[in-house]
PDB file of N, CA and C in Angstrom:
ATOM      1  N   MET A   1       1.152  -1.193  -0.012  1.00  0.00           N
ATOM      2  CA  MET A   1       0.260  -0.115   0.097  1.00  0.00           C
ATOM      3  C   MET A   1       1.013   1.231  -0.226  1.00  0.00           C
ATOM      4  N   ARG A   2       0.955   2.415  -0.942  1.00  0.00           N
ATOM      5  CA  ARG A   2       1.138   3.017  -0.661  1.00  0.00           C
ATOM      6  C   ARG A   2       1.210   4.856  -0.129  1.00  0.00           C
ATOM      7  N   THR A   3       2.115   4.774   0.414  1.00  0.00           N
ATOM      8  CA  THR A   3       1.317   6.333   1.277  1.00  0.00           C
ATOM      9  C   THR A   3       2.216   7.436   1.350  1.00  0.00           C
ATOM     10  N   VAL A   4       1.437   8.580   2.027  1.00  0.00           N
ATOM     11  CA  VAL A   4       2.733  10.006   1.427  1.00  0.00           C
ATOM     12  C   VAL A   4       2.849   9.891   3.179  1.00  0.00           C
ATOM     13  N   GLU A   5       2.820  10.886   3.556  1.00  0.00           N
ATOM     14  CA  GLU A   5       3.649  11.538   4.983  1.00  0.00           C
ATOM     15  C   GLU A   5       2.690  12.885   5.073  1.00  0.00           C
ATOM     16  N   GLN A   6       2.328  13.905   4.427  1.00  0.00           N
ATOM     17  CA  GLN A   6       1.371  14.988   4.318  1.00  0.00           C
ATOM     18  C   GLN A   6      -0.121  14.346   3.799  1.00  0.00           C
ATOM     19  N   ALA A   7      -1.038  14.957   4.797  1.00  0.00           N
ATOM     20  CA  ALA A   7      -2.593  15.085   4.079  1.00  0.00           C
ATOM     21  C   ALA A   7      -2.709  16.506   3.160  1.00  0.00           C
ATOM     22  N   LYS A   8      -3.874  15.483   1.734  1.00  0.00           N
ATOM     23  CA  LYS A   8      -3.379  16.841   0.713  1.00  0.00           C
ATOM     24  C   LYS A   8      -5.013  16.856   0.782  1.00  0.00           C
ATOM     25  N   TYR A   9      -5.547  17.967   0.046  1.00  0.00           N
ATOM     26  CA  TYR A   9      -6.726  18.377   0.043  1.00  0.00           C
ATOM     27  C   TYR A   9      -7.100  18.287  -1.087  1.00  0.00           C
ATOM     28  N   ILE A  10      -8.334  17.185  -1.300  1.00  0.00           N
ATOM     29  CA  ILE A  10      -8.378  16.242  -2.929  1.00  0.00           C
ATOM     30  C   ILE A  10      -9.996  16.889  -2.841  1.00  0.00           C
ATOM     31  N   TYR A  11     -10.066  17.161  -4.525  1.00  0.00           N
ATOM     32  CA  TYR A  11     -11.122  17.883  -4.805  1.00  0.00           C
ATOM     33  C   TYR A  11     -11.711  16.158  -5.453  1.00  0.00           C
ATOM     34  N   ILE A  12     -13.207  15.878  -5.509  1.00  0.00           N
ATOM     35  CA  ILE A  12     -14.428  14.781  -5.784  1.00  0.00           C
ATOM     36  C   ILE A  12     -15.195  15.437  -6.768  1.00  0.00           C
ATOM     37  N   SER A  13     -14.734  15.087  -7.677  1.00  0.00           N
ATOM     38  CA  SER A  13     -15.269  15.090  -9.395  1.00  0.00           C
ATOM     39  C   SER A  13     -16.273  14.131 -10.180  1.00  0.00           C
ATOM     40  N   GLY A  14     -17.170  14.014 -10.623  1.00  0.00           N
ATOM     41  CA  GLY A  14     -17.881  13.396 -10.862  1.00  0.00           C
ATOM     42  C   GLY A  14     -19.278  14.018 -10.982  1.00  0.00           C
ATOM     43  N   PRO A  15     -19.874  13.405 -11.673  1.00  0.00           N
ATOM     44  CA  PRO A  15     -21.406  13.811 -12.484  1.00  0.00           C
ATOM     45  C   PRO A  15     -22.428  14.111 -11.831  1.00  0.00           C
ATOM     46  N   TYR A  16     -23.466  15.426 -11.399  1.00  0.00           N
ATOM     47  CA  TYR A  16     -24.168  15.536 -10.326  1.00  0.00           C
ATOM     48  C   TYR A  16     -25.099  16.026 -11.243  1.00  0.00           C
ATOM     49  N   SER A  17     -25.450  16.462 -12.137  1.00  0.00           N
ATOM     50  CA  SER A  17     -26.865  17.016 -12.677  1.00  0.00           C
ATOM     51  C   SER A  17     -27.313  15.701 -13.323  1.00  0.00           C
ATOM     52  N   SER A  18     -28.980  15.582 -13.535  1.00  0.00           N
ATOM     53  CA  SER A  18     -29.511  14.813 -14.204  1.00  0.00           C
ATOM     54  C   SER A  18     -31.025  15.539 -14.211  1.00  0.00           C
ATOM     55  N   ASP A  19     -31.484  14.757 -15.778  1.00  0.00           N
ATOM     56  CA  ASP A  19     -32.394  14.839 -15.195  1.00  0.00           C
ATOM     57  C   ASP A  19     -34.731  14.427 -14.611  1.00  0.00           C
ATOM     58  N   ARG A  20     -33.210  13.015 -13.469  1.00  0.00           N
ATOM     59  CA  ARG A  20     -34.589  12.253 -12.830  1.00  0.00           C
ATOM     60  C   ARG A  20     -33.866  12.414 -11.768  1.00  0.00           C
ATOM     61  N   PRO A  21     -34.716  13.087 -10.612  1.00  0.00           N
ATOM     62  CA  PRO A  21     -34.045  13.173  -9.328  1.00  0.00           C
ATOM     63  C   PRO A  21     -33.574  12.095  -8.614  1.00  0.00           C
ATOM     64  N   GLU A  22     -33.599  11.299  -8.824  1.00  0.00           N
ATOM     65  CA  GLU A  22     -33.192   9.745  -8.283  1.00  0.00           C
ATOM     66  C   GLU A  22     -31.446   9.461  -8.913  1.00  0.00           C
ATOM     67  N   GLU A  23     -31.447   9.806  -9.604  1.00  0.00           N
ATOM     68  CA  GLU A  23     -29.621   9.849 -10.326  1.00  0.00           C
ATOM     69  C   GLU A  23     -28.901  10.743  -9.781  1.00  0.00           C
ATOM     70  N   VAL A  24     -30.072  12.482 -10.067  1.00  0.00           N
ATOM     71  CA  VAL A  24     -28.826  13.338  -9.051  1.00  0.00           C
ATOM     72  C   VAL A  24     -28.228  12.871  -7.695  1.00  0.00           C
ATOM     73  N   PHE A  25     -29.949  12.325  -6.262  1.00  0.00           N
ATOM     74  CA  PHE A  25     -29.354  11.151  -5.561  1.00  0.00           C
ATOM     75  C   PHE A  25     -28.384  10.494  -5.291  1.00  0.00           C
ATOM     76  N   LEU A  26     -28.491   9.458  -6.637  1.00  0.00           N
ATOM     77  CA  LEU A  26     -26.990   8.637  -6.548  1.00  0.00           C
ATOM     78  C   LEU A  26     -26.099   9.518  -6.519  1.00  0.00           C
ATOM     79  N   ASN A  27     -25.965  10.762  -7.832  1.00  0.00           N
ATOM     80  CA  ASN A  27     -24.493  10.661  -7.531  1.00  0.00           C
ATOM     81  C   ASN A  27     -24.318  11.205  -6.805  1.00  0.00           C
ATOM     82  N   VAL A  28     -24.830  12.156  -5.638  1.00  0.00           N
ATOM     83  CA  VAL A  28     -24.390  13.014  -4.904  1.00  0.00           C
ATOM     84  C   VAL A  28     -23.717  11.926  -4.019  1.00  0.00           C
ATOM     85  N   ARG A  29     -25.145  10.596  -3.529  1.00  0.00           N
ATOM     86  CA  ARG A  29     -24.391   9.688  -2.665  1.00  0.00           C
ATOM     87  C   ARG A  29     -22.548   8.667  -3.287  1.00  0.00           C
ATOM     88  N   ARG A  30     -22.506   8.996  -4.319  1.00  0.00           N
ATOM     89  CA  ARG A  30     -21.420   8.127  -5.039  1.00  0.00           C
ATOM     90  C   ARG A  30     -19.863   8.766  -4.501  1.00  0.00           C
ATOM     91  N   ALA A  31     -20.501  10.798  -4.220  1.00  0.00           N
ATOM     92  CA  ALA A  31     -19.570  11.169  -4.332  1.00  0.00           C
ATOM     93  C   ALA A  31     -19.439  11.636  -2.814  1.00  0.00           C
ATOM     94  N   GLU A  32     -20.562  11.615  -2.286  1.00  0.00           N
ATOM     95  CA  GLU A  32     -19.579  11.764   0.056  1.00  0.00           C
ATOM     96  C   GLU A  32     -19.306  10.554  -0.175  1.00  0.00           C
ATOM     97  N   GLU A  33     -19.814   9.783  -0.777  1.00  0.00           N
ATOM     98  CA  GLU A  33     -18.785   8.434  -0.150  1.00  0.00           C
ATOM     99  C   GLU A  33     -17.629   7.977  -0.725  1.00  0.00           C
ATOM    100  N   ALA A  34     -16.884   9.056  -1.623  1.00  0.00           N
ATOM    101  CA  ALA A  34     -15.882   9.085  -2.192  1.00  0.00           C
ATOM    102  C   ALA A  34     -15.378  10.221  -1.105  1.00  0.00           C
ATOM    103  N   ALA A  35     -15.754  11.031  -0.668  1.00  0.00           N
ATOM    104  CA  ALA A  35     -15.270  11.858   0.269  1.00  0.00           C
ATOM    105  C   ALA A  35     -15.449  11.128   1.322  1.00  0.00           C
ATOM    106  N   LYS A  36     -16.277  10.722   2.065  1.00  0.00           N
ATOM    107  CA  LYS A  36     -15.544   9.384   3.127  1.00  0.00           C
ATOM    108  C   LYS A  36     -14.356   9.337   3.478  1.00  0.00           C
ATOM    109  N   ALA A  37     -14.766   8.415   2.161  1.00  0.00           N
ATOM    110  CA  ALA A  37     -13.368   7.248   2.282  1.00  0.00           C
ATOM    111  C   ALA A  37     -11.400   8.209   2.260  1.00  0.00           C
ATOM    112  N   VAL A  38     -11.882   9.094   1.168  1.00  0.00           N
ATOM    113  CA  VAL A  38     -11.026   9.769   0.766  1.00  0.00           C
ATOM    114  C   VAL A  38     -10.114   9.797   3.260  1.00  0.00           C
ATOM    115  N   LEU A  39     -11.512  11.142   2.940  1.00  0.00           N
ATOM    116  CA  LEU A  39     -11.196  11.350   4.397  1.00  0.00           C
ATOM    117  C   LEU A  39     -10.623   9.929   5.983  1.00  0.00           C
ATOM    118  N   LEU A  40     -11.099   8.483   4.932  1.00  0.00           N
ATOM    119  CA  LEU A  40     -10.764   7.737   6.442  1.00  0.00           C
ATOM    120  C   LEU A  40      -8.823   7.059   6.025  1.00  0.00           C
ATOM    121  N   LYS A  41      -8.804   7.865   4.440  1.00  0.00           N
ATOM    122  CA  LYS A  41      -7.105   7.399   4.388  1.00  0.00           C
ATOM    123  C   LYS A  41      -6.489   8.866   4.551  1.00  0.00           C
ATOM    124  N   GLY A  42      -6.823   9.630   5.860  1.00  0.00           N
ATOM    125  CA  GLY A  42      -6.291  10.281   6.486  1.00  0.00           C
ATOM    126  C   GLY A  42      -6.065  12.579   5.564  1.00  0.00           C
ATOM    127  N   HIS A  43      -6.415  12.356   4.993  1.00  0.00           N
ATOM    128  CA  HIS A  43      -6.963  13.104   3.634  1.00  0.00           C
ATOM    129  C   HIS A  43      -7.779  14.510   3.619  1.00  0.00           C
ATOM    130  N   VAL A  44      -8.301  15.125   3.543  1.00  0.00           N
ATOM    131  CA  VAL A  44      -8.646  16.221   3.230  1.00  0.00           C
ATOM    132  C   VAL A  44      -9.873  17.008   2.096  1.00  0.00           C
ATOM    133  N   PRO A  45     -10.744  15.637   1.679  1.00  0.00           N
ATOM    134  CA  PRO A  45     -11.250  15.797   1.097  1.00  0.00           C
ATOM    135  C   PRO A  45     -12.544  17.571   0.279  1.00  0.00           C
ATOM    136  N   PHE A  46     -12.993  17.806  -0.155  1.00  0.00           N
ATOM    137  CA  PHE A  46     -13.424  19.413  -0.870  1.00  0.00           C
ATOM    138  C   PHE A  46     -14.873  18.244  -1.841  1.00  0.00           C
ATOM    139  N   CYS A  47     -15.702  18.184  -1.204  1.00  0.00           N
ATOM    140  CA  CYS A  47     -16.689  17.439  -2.058  1.00  0.00           C
ATOM    141  C   CYS A  47     -18.012  18.506  -2.656  1.00  0.00           C
ATOM    142  N   PRO A  48     -17.856  18.593  -4.060  1.00  0.00           N
ATOM    143  CA  PRO A  48     -19.159  19.891  -4.066  1.00  0.00           C
ATOM    144  C   PRO A  48     -20.413  19.822  -3.959  1.00  0.00           C
ATOM    145  N   HIS A  49     -20.056  18.403  -4.606  1.00  0.00           N
ATOM    146  CA  HIS A  49     -21.718  17.589  -4.650  1.00  0.00           C
ATOM    147  C   HIS A  49     -22.215  17.390  -3.374  1.00  0.00           C
ATOM    148  N   THR A  50     -21.901  17.380  -2.157  1.00  0.00           N
ATOM    149  CA  THR A  50     -22.699  17.725  -1.323  1.00  0.00           C
ATOM    150  C   THR A  50     -22.846  19.176  -0.664  1.00  0.00           C
ATOM    151  N   MET A  51     -21.955  20.100  -0.731  1.00  0.00           N
ATOM    152  CA  MET A  51     -22.315  21.735  -0.506  1.00  0.00           C
ATOM    153  C   MET A  51     -22.986  22.023  -1.324  1.00  0.00           C
ATOM    154  N   THR A  52     -23.435  21.829  -2.578  1.00  0.00           N
ATOM    155  CA  THR A  52     -24.471  22.655  -3.421  1.00  0.00           C
ATOM    156  C   THR A  52     -25.422  21.955  -3.172  1.00  0.00           C
ATOM    157  N   CYS A  53     -25.674  20.393  -2.711  1.00  0.00           N
ATOM    158  CA  CYS A  53     -27.277  20.010  -3.098  1.00  0.00           C
ATOM    159  C   CYS A  53     -28.360  20.802  -2.744  1.00  0.00           C
ATOM    160  N   GLY A  54     -29.343  20.678  -4.069  1.00  0.00           N
ATOM    161  CA  GLY A  54     -30.743  21.360  -3.843  1.00  0.00           C
ATOM    162  C   GLY A  54     -30.189  22.994  -4.724  1.00  0.00           C
ATOM    163  N   TRP A  55     -29.329  23.039  -5.183  1.00  0.00           N
ATOM    164  CA  TRP A  55     -28.955  24.589  -5.001  1.00  0.00           C
ATOM    165  C   TRP A  55     -29.368  24.870  -6.581  1.00  0.00           C
ATOM    166  N   GLU A  56     -29.591  23.770  -7.410  1.00  0.00           N
ATOM    167  CA  GLU A  56     -30.034  24.148  -8.844  1.00  0.00           C
ATOM    168  C   GLU A  56     -31.182  24.446  -9.005  1.00  0.00           C
ATOM    169  N   THR A  57     -32.334  24.397  -8.073  1.00  0.00           N
ATOM    170  CA  THR A  57     -34.184  24.856  -7.885  1.00  0.00           C
ATOM    171  C   THR A  57     -33.645  26.201  -7.649  1.00  0.00           C
ATOM    172  N   ASP A  58     -32.596  26.700  -7.613  1.00  0.00           N
ATOM    173  CA  ASP A  58     -32.789  28.745  -7.031  1.00  0.00           C
ATOM    174  C   ASP A  58     -31.812  29.016  -8.105  1.00  0.00           C
ATOM    175  N   HIS A  59     -33.184  29.327  -9.015  1.00  0.00           N
ATOM    176  CA  HIS A  59     -33.473  29.737 -10.701  1.00  0.00           C
ATOM    177  C   HIS A  59     -32.403  31.029 -10.474  1.00  0.00           C
ATOM    178  N   ARG A  60     -31.543  31.639  -9.637  1.00  0.00           N
ATOM    179  CA  ARG A  60     -30.817  32.833  -9.544  1.00  0.00           C
ATOM    180  C   ARG A  60     -29.268  32.529 -10.240  1.00  0.00           C
ATOM    181  N   LEU A  61     -29.643  30.797 -10.170  1.00  0.00           N
ATOM    182  CA  LEU A  61     -28.006  30.469 -10.466  1.00  0.00           C
ATOM    183  C   LEU A  61     -27.558  29.589 -11.259  1.00  0.00           C
ATOM    184  N   ARG A  62     -26.789  29.662 -12.723  1.00  0.00           N
ATOM    185  CA  ARG A  62     -26.746  29.120 -13.731  1.00  0.00           C
ATOM    186  C   ARG A  62     -25.491  27.703 -13.415  1.00  0.00           C
ATOM    187  N   TYR A  63     -25.490  27.294 -14.512  1.00  0.00           N
ATOM    188  CA  TYR A  63     -24.448  26.102 -14.438  1.00  0.00           C
ATOM    189  C   TYR A  63     -23.485  26.702 -14.695  1.00  0.00           C
ATOM    190  N   GLU A  64     -23.269  27.853 -15.538  1.00  0.00           N
ATOM    191  CA  GLU A  64     -21.783  27.977 -14.825  1.00  0.00           C
ATOM    192  C   GLU A  64     -21.548  29.103 -14.212  1.00  0.00           C
ATOM    193  N   ASP A  65     -22.718  29.227 -13.398  1.00  0.00           N
ATOM    194  CA  ASP A  65     -21.892  29.543 -11.784  1.00  0.00           C
ATOM    195  C   ASP A  65     -21.894  28.907 -11.229  1.00  0.00           C
ATOM    196  N   PHE A  66     -21.837  27.283 -11.110  1.00  0.00           N
ATOM    197  CA  PHE A  66     -21.267  26.655 -10.082  1.00  0.00           C
ATOM    198  C   PHE A  66     -19.965  25.661 -11.116  1.00  0.00           C
ATOM    199  N   LEU A  67     -19.615  26.094 -12.166  1.00  0.00           N
ATOM    200  CA  LEU A  67     -18.293  25.455 -13.018  1.00  0.00           C
ATOM    201  C   LEU A  67     -17.199  26.519 -12.272  1.00  0.00           C
ATOM    202  N   ARG A  68     -17.851  27.428 -12.316  1.00  0.00           N
ATOM    203  CA  ARG A  68     -16.345  28.953 -12.424  1.00  0.00           C
ATOM    204  C   ARG A  68     -16.481  28.553 -10.449  1.00  0.00           C
ATOM    205  N   MET A  69     -17.302  27.955  -9.878  1.00  0.00           N
ATOM    206  CA  MET A  69     -17.285  27.742  -8.476  1.00  0.00           C
ATOM    207  C   MET A  69     -16.067  26.343  -8.078  1.00  0.00           C
ATOM    208  N   ASP A  70     -16.796  26.097  -9.032  1.00  0.00           N
ATOM    209  CA  ASP A  70     -15.490  24.816  -9.206  1.00  0.00           C
ATOM    210  C   ASP A  70     -14.588  24.405  -9.399  1.00  0.00           C
ATOM    211  N   LEU A  71     -14.520  25.293 -10.108  1.00  0.00           N
ATOM    212  CA  LEU A  71     -13.152  25.264 -10.481  1.00  0.00           C
ATOM    213  C   LEU A  71     -12.152  25.850 -10.616  1.00  0.00           C
ATOM    214  N   ALA A  72     -12.473  26.509  -9.340  1.00  0.00           N
ATOM    215  CA  ALA A  72     -11.897  28.189  -8.329  1.00  0.00           C
ATOM    216  C   ALA A  72     -11.357  27.479  -7.870  1.00  0.00           C
ATOM    217  N   TRP A  73     -12.339  25.801  -6.624  1.00  0.00           N
ATOM    218  CA  TRP A  73     -12.124  25.320  -5.808  1.00  0.00           C
ATOM    219  C   TRP A  73     -10.684  24.676  -6.287  1.00  0.00           C
ATOM    220  N   ILE A  74     -10.736  23.759  -7.530  1.00  0.00           N
ATOM    221  CA  ILE A  74     -10.172  22.693  -7.925  1.00  0.00           C
ATOM    222  C   ILE A  74      -8.578  23.816  -7.372  1.00  0.00           C
ATOM    223  N   ALA A  75      -8.360  25.208  -8.337  1.00  0.00           N
ATOM    224  CA  ALA A  75      -6.764  25.901  -7.913  1.00  0.00           C
ATOM    225  C   ALA A  75      -6.956  25.703  -7.136  1.00  0.00           C
ATOM    226  N   ARG A  76      -7.340  25.538  -5.968  1.00  0.00           N
ATOM    227  CA  ARG A  76      -6.856  25.523  -4.047  1.00  0.00           C
ATOM    228  C   ARG A  76      -6.668  24.235  -2.943  1.00  0.00           C
ATOM    229  N   CYS A  77      -6.934  23.308  -4.434  1.00  0.00           N
ATOM    230  CA  CYS A  77      -6.912  21.526  -4.045  1.00  0.00           C
ATOM    231  C   CYS A  77      -5.519  21.401  -4.403  1.00  0.00           C
ATOM    232  N   ASP A  78      -5.040  20.547  -3.793  1.00  0.00           N
ATOM    233  CA  ASP A  78      -3.750  19.417  -3.965  1.00  0.00           C
ATOM    234  C   ASP A  78      -3.687  18.047  -5.026  1.00  0.00           C
ATOM    235  N   TRP A  79      -5.052  17.970  -5.244  1.00  0.00           N
ATOM    236  CA  TRP A  79      -5.080  16.115  -5.945  1.00  0.00           C
ATOM    237  C   TRP A  79      -6.528  16.477  -6.177  1.00  0.00           C
ATOM    238  N   PHE A  80      -6.866  15.235  -7.155  1.00  0.00           N
ATOM    239  CA  PHE A  80      -8.061  15.242  -8.212  1.00  0.00           C
ATOM    240  C   PHE A  80      -8.178  13.817  -7.806  1.00  0.00           C
ATOM    241  N   LEU A  81      -9.592  14.018  -7.561  1.00  0.00           N
ATOM    242  CA  LEU A  81     -10.245  12.634  -7.690  1.00  0.00           C
ATOM    243  C   LEU A  81     -11.449  12.560  -8.867  1.00  0.00           C
ATOM    244  N   TYR A  82     -11.090  11.610 -10.228  1.00  0.00           N
ATOM    245  CA  TYR A  82     -12.051  11.680 -11.193  1.00  0.00           C
ATOM    246  C   TYR A  82     -12.791  10.419 -10.418  1.00  0.00           C
ATOM    247  N   LEU A  83     -14.314  10.473 -10.343  1.00  0.00           N
ATOM    248  CA  LEU A  83     -15.110   9.441 -10.687  1.00  0.00           C
ATOM    249  C   LEU A  83     -15.905   8.867 -11.659  1.00  0.00           C
ATOM    250  N   ARG A  84     -16.393   9.581 -11.973  1.00  0.00           N
ATOM    251  CA  ARG A  84     -17.019   9.515 -13.231  1.00  0.00           C
ATOM    252  C   ARG A  84     -17.149  10.494 -14.417  1.00  0.00           C
ATOM    253  N   PRO A  85     -17.374   9.711 -15.547  1.00  0.00           N
ATOM    254  CA  PRO A  85     -17.048  11.417 -17.049  1.00  0.00           C
ATOM    255  C   PRO A  85     -18.721  12.013 -16.687  1.00  0.00           C
ATOM    256  N   SER A  86     -18.473  12.982 -17.250  1.00  0.00           N
ATOM    257  CA  SER A  86     -20.214  13.760 -17.332  1.00  0.00           C
ATOM    258  C   SER A  86     -19.348  15.077 -18.057  1.00  0.00           C
ATOM    259  N   PRO A  87     -20.367  16.190 -18.754  1.00  0.00           N
ATOM    260  CA  PRO A  87     -19.325  17.440 -19.533  1.00  0.00           C
ATOM    261  C   PRO A  87     -19.154  18.426 -17.897  1.00  0.00           C
ATOM    262  N   GLY A  88     -19.492  18.062 -17.083  1.00  0.00           N
ATOM    263  CA  GLY A  88     -18.871  19.102 -16.433  1.00  0.00           C
ATOM    264  C   GLY A  88     -17.646  18.363 -15.122  1.00  0.00           C
ATOM    265  N   ALA A  89     -17.493  17.401 -14.823  1.00  0.00           N
ATOM    266  CA  ALA A  89     -16.634  16.949 -14.684  1.00  0.00           C
ATOM    267  C   ALA A  89     -15.452  16.142 -15.431  1.00  0.00           C
ATOM    268  N   ASP A  90     -15.600  16.377 -16.910  1.00  0.00           N
ATOM    269  CA  ASP A  90     -14.458  16.284 -17.749  1.00  0.00           C
ATOM    270  C   ASP A  90     -13.851  18.368 -17.744  1.00  0.00           C
ATOM    271  N   GLN A  91     -14.799  18.976 -17.072  1.00  0.00           N
ATOM    272  CA  GLN A  91     -13.690  20.289 -17.289  1.00  0.00           C
ATOM    273  C   GLN A  91     -13.081  20.836 -16.366  1.00  0.00           C
ATOM    274  N   GLU A  92     -13.389  20.040 -15.609  1.00  0.00           N
ATOM    275  CA  GLU A  92     -12.545  19.905 -14.286  1.00  0.00           C
ATOM    276  C   GLU A  92     -11.581  18.854 -14.342  1.00  0.00           C
ATOM    277  N   LEU A  93     -11.379  18.609 -14.915  1.00  0.00           N
ATOM    278  CA  LEU A  93      -9.949  17.238 -14.917  1.00  0.00           C
ATOM    279  C   LEU A  93      -9.038  17.686 -16.123  1.00  0.00           C
ATOM    280  N   ALA A  94      -9.858  18.474 -17.032  1.00  0.00           N
ATOM    281  CA  ALA A  94      -9.174  19.733 -18.381  1.00  0.00           C
ATOM    282  C   ALA A  94      -8.020  20.612 -16.900  1.00  0.00           C
ATOM    283  N   LYS A  95      -8.945  21.234 -16.066  1.00  0.00           N
ATOM    284  CA  LYS A  95      -8.277  22.119 -15.323  1.00  0.00           C
ATOM    285  C   LYS A  95      -7.545  21.703 -14.706  1.00  0.00           C
ATOM    286  N   ALA A  96      -7.347  20.606 -14.245  1.00  0.00           N
ATOM    287  CA  ALA A  96      -6.983  19.624 -12.560  1.00  0.00           C
ATOM    288  C   ALA A  96      -5.791  19.162 -13.731  1.00  0.00           C
ATOM    289  N   ARG A  97      -5.784  18.848 -14.707  1.00  0.00           N
ATOM    290  CA  ARG A  97      -4.492  17.988 -15.979  1.00  0.00           C
ATOM    291  C   ARG A  97      -3.676  19.542 -16.140  1.00  0.00           C
ATOM    292  N   ALA A  98      -4.307  20.587 -16.050  1.00  0.00           N
ATOM    293  CA  ALA A  98      -3.753  21.472 -16.621  1.00  0.00           C
ATOM    294  C   ALA A  98      -2.297  22.511 -15.926  1.00  0.00           C
ATOM    295  N   ARG A  99      -3.087  22.215 -14.419  1.00  0.00           N
ATOM    296  CA  ARG A  99      -2.570  22.097 -13.557  1.00  0.00           C
ATOM    297  C   ARG A  99      -1.729  21.240 -12.781  1.00  0.00           C
ATOM    298  N   GLY A 100      -1.204  20.630 -13.571  1.00  0.00           N
ATOM    299  CA  GLY A 100      -0.221  19.467 -13.579  1.00  0.00           C
ATOM    300  C   GLY A 100      -0.508  18.717 -11.455  1.00  0.00           C
ATOM    301  N   MET A 101      -2.035  19.033 -11.546  1.00  0.00           N
ATOM    302  CA  MET A 101      -2.634  17.822 -10.185  1.00  0.00           C
ATOM    303  C   MET A 101      -2.367  16.635 -10.608  1.00  0.00           C
ATOM    304  N   ALA A 102      -1.758  15.931  -9.198  1.00  0.00           N
ATOM    305  CA  ALA A 102      -2.401  14.114  -9.207  1.00  0.00           C
ATOM    306  C   ALA A 102      -3.523  14.217  -9.850  1.00  0.00           C
ATOM    307  N   VAL A 103      -4.011  13.023 -10.549  1.00  0.00           N
ATOM    308  CA  VAL A 103      -5.403  12.927 -10.897  1.00  0.00           C
ATOM    309  C   VAL A 103      -5.443  11.073 -10.153  1.00  0.00           C
ATOM    310  N   PHE A 104      -6.875  10.693  -9.424  1.00  0.00           N
ATOM    311  CA  PHE A 104      -7.387   9.439  -9.429  1.00  0.00           C
ATOM    312  C   PHE A 104      -8.567   9.144  -9.996  1.00  0.00           C
ATOM    313  N   ASP A 105      -8.174   8.159 -10.861  1.00  0.00           N
ATOM    314  CA  ASP A 105      -9.807   7.980 -10.821  1.00  0.00           C
ATOM    315  C   ASP A 105     -10.274   6.800  -9.716  1.00  0.00           C
ATOM    316  N   SER A 106     -10.151   5.775  -8.660  1.00  0.00           N
ATOM    317  CA  SER A 106     -10.693   6.040  -7.906  1.00  0.00           C
ATOM    318  C   SER A 106      -9.981   5.805  -6.965  1.00  0.00           C
ATOM    319  N   VAL A 107     -10.915   5.768  -5.217  1.00  0.00           N
ATOM    320  CA  VAL A 107     -10.407   5.509  -4.016  1.00  0.00           C
ATOM    321  C   VAL A 107      -9.492   5.117  -4.074  1.00  0.00           C
ATOM    322  N   ASP A 108      -9.515   3.794  -4.465  1.00  0.00           N
ATOM    323  CA  ASP A 108      -8.562   2.509  -3.753  1.00  0.00           C
ATOM    324  C   ASP A 108      -6.979   3.053  -4.638  1.00  0.00           C
ATOM    325  N   GLU A 109      -6.630   3.714  -5.993  1.00  0.00           N
ATOM    326  CA  GLU A 109      -5.428   4.183  -5.858  1.00  0.00           C
ATOM    327  C   GLU A 109      -4.934   5.713  -5.167  1.00  0.00           C
ATOM    328  N   VAL A 110      -5.694   6.331  -3.997  1.00  0.00           N
ATOM    329  CA  VAL A 110      -5.012   7.913  -3.779  1.00  0.00           C
ATOM    330  C   VAL A 110      -4.185   7.141  -2.519  1.00  0.00           C
ATOM    331  N   PRO A 111      -3.205   6.897  -2.037  1.00  0.00           N
ATOM    332  CA  PRO A 111      -1.926   6.870  -1.252  1.00  0.00           C
ATOM    333  C   PRO A 111      -3.253   7.449  -0.130  1.00  0.00           C
ATOM    334  N   GLU A 112      -3.100   6.496   1.852  1.00  0.00           N
ATOM    335  CA  GLU A 112      -3.104   6.708   2.730  1.00  0.00           C
ATOM    336  C   GLU A 112      -2.124   7.753   2.762  1.00  0.00           C
ATOM    337  N   VAL A 113      -2.487   8.417   4.275  1.00  0.00           N
ATOM    338  CA  VAL A 113      -1.360   8.429   5.304  1.00  0.00           C
ATOM    339  C   VAL A 113      -0.645   8.735   6.166  1.00  0.00           C
ATOM    340  N   ALA A 114       0.977   8.449   5.873  1.00  0.00           N
ATOM    341  CA  ALA A 114       1.292   7.338   6.778  1.00  0.00           C
ATOM    342  C   ALA A 114       1.199   7.090   8.226  1.00  0.00           C
ATOM    343  N   VAL A 115       1.256   8.354   8.694  1.00  0.00           N
ATOM    344  CA  VAL A 115       1.376   8.614   9.790  1.00  0.00           C
ATOM    345  C   VAL A 115      -0.015  10.464  10.109  1.00  0.00           C
ATOM    346  N   SER A 116      -0.795  10.618  11.343  1.00  0.00           N
ATOM    347  CA  SER A 116      -1.886  11.639  11.563  1.00  0.00           C
ATOM    348  C   SER A 116      -0.445  13.451  11.781  1.00  0.00           C
ATOM    349  N   THR A 117      -0.705  14.062  10.556  1.00  0.00           N
ATOM    350  CA  THR A 117       0.027  15.005  10.139  1.00  0.00           C
ATOM    351  C   THR A 117      -1.923  16.409  10.009  1.00  0.00           C
ATOM    352  N   THR A 118      -0.447  17.745  10.334  1.00  0.00           N
ATOM    353  CA  THR A 118      -1.375  18.221   9.884  1.00  0.00           C
ATOM    354  C   THR A 118      -1.498  18.477   8.143  1.00  0.00           C
ATOM    355  N   VAL A 119      -2.619  19.139   7.633  1.00  0.00           N
ATOM    356  CA  VAL A 119      -2.481  19.825   6.538  1.00  0.00           C
ATOM    357  C   VAL A 119      -1.545  21.024   6.877  1.00  0.00           C
ATOM    358  N   GLY A 120      -0.762  21.007   4.831  1.00  0.00           N
ATOM    359  CA  GLY A 120      -0.097  21.870   4.856  1.00  0.00           C
ATOM    360  C   GLY A 120       0.535  21.915   3.434  1.00  0.00           C
TER     361      GLY A 120
END
């Protein structure tokens, strides 16, 4: 098992939107479970799915607003966890790669923190 010495801020990316409310719910749950697993590995997850869940019903907010916010958060994170493709997640992935971030395709690929440390 690979380990790292220091905890990283990890952005959780994956589909959110759907025409079917039950699919949105499942997308949020998948991201939430990934974020919990990242936390259990000793890292600090950022999961926009849970932070903005339900915001899509606010008529003042547009898709572009969410994407702008997400891309700004990616600039603040160290690593990137890409769960599944979607138009938004693919744009986020492109931003992460352009920044040279480590990109993981599953929680299993994320190394654990070797010892309890502070983030930094």
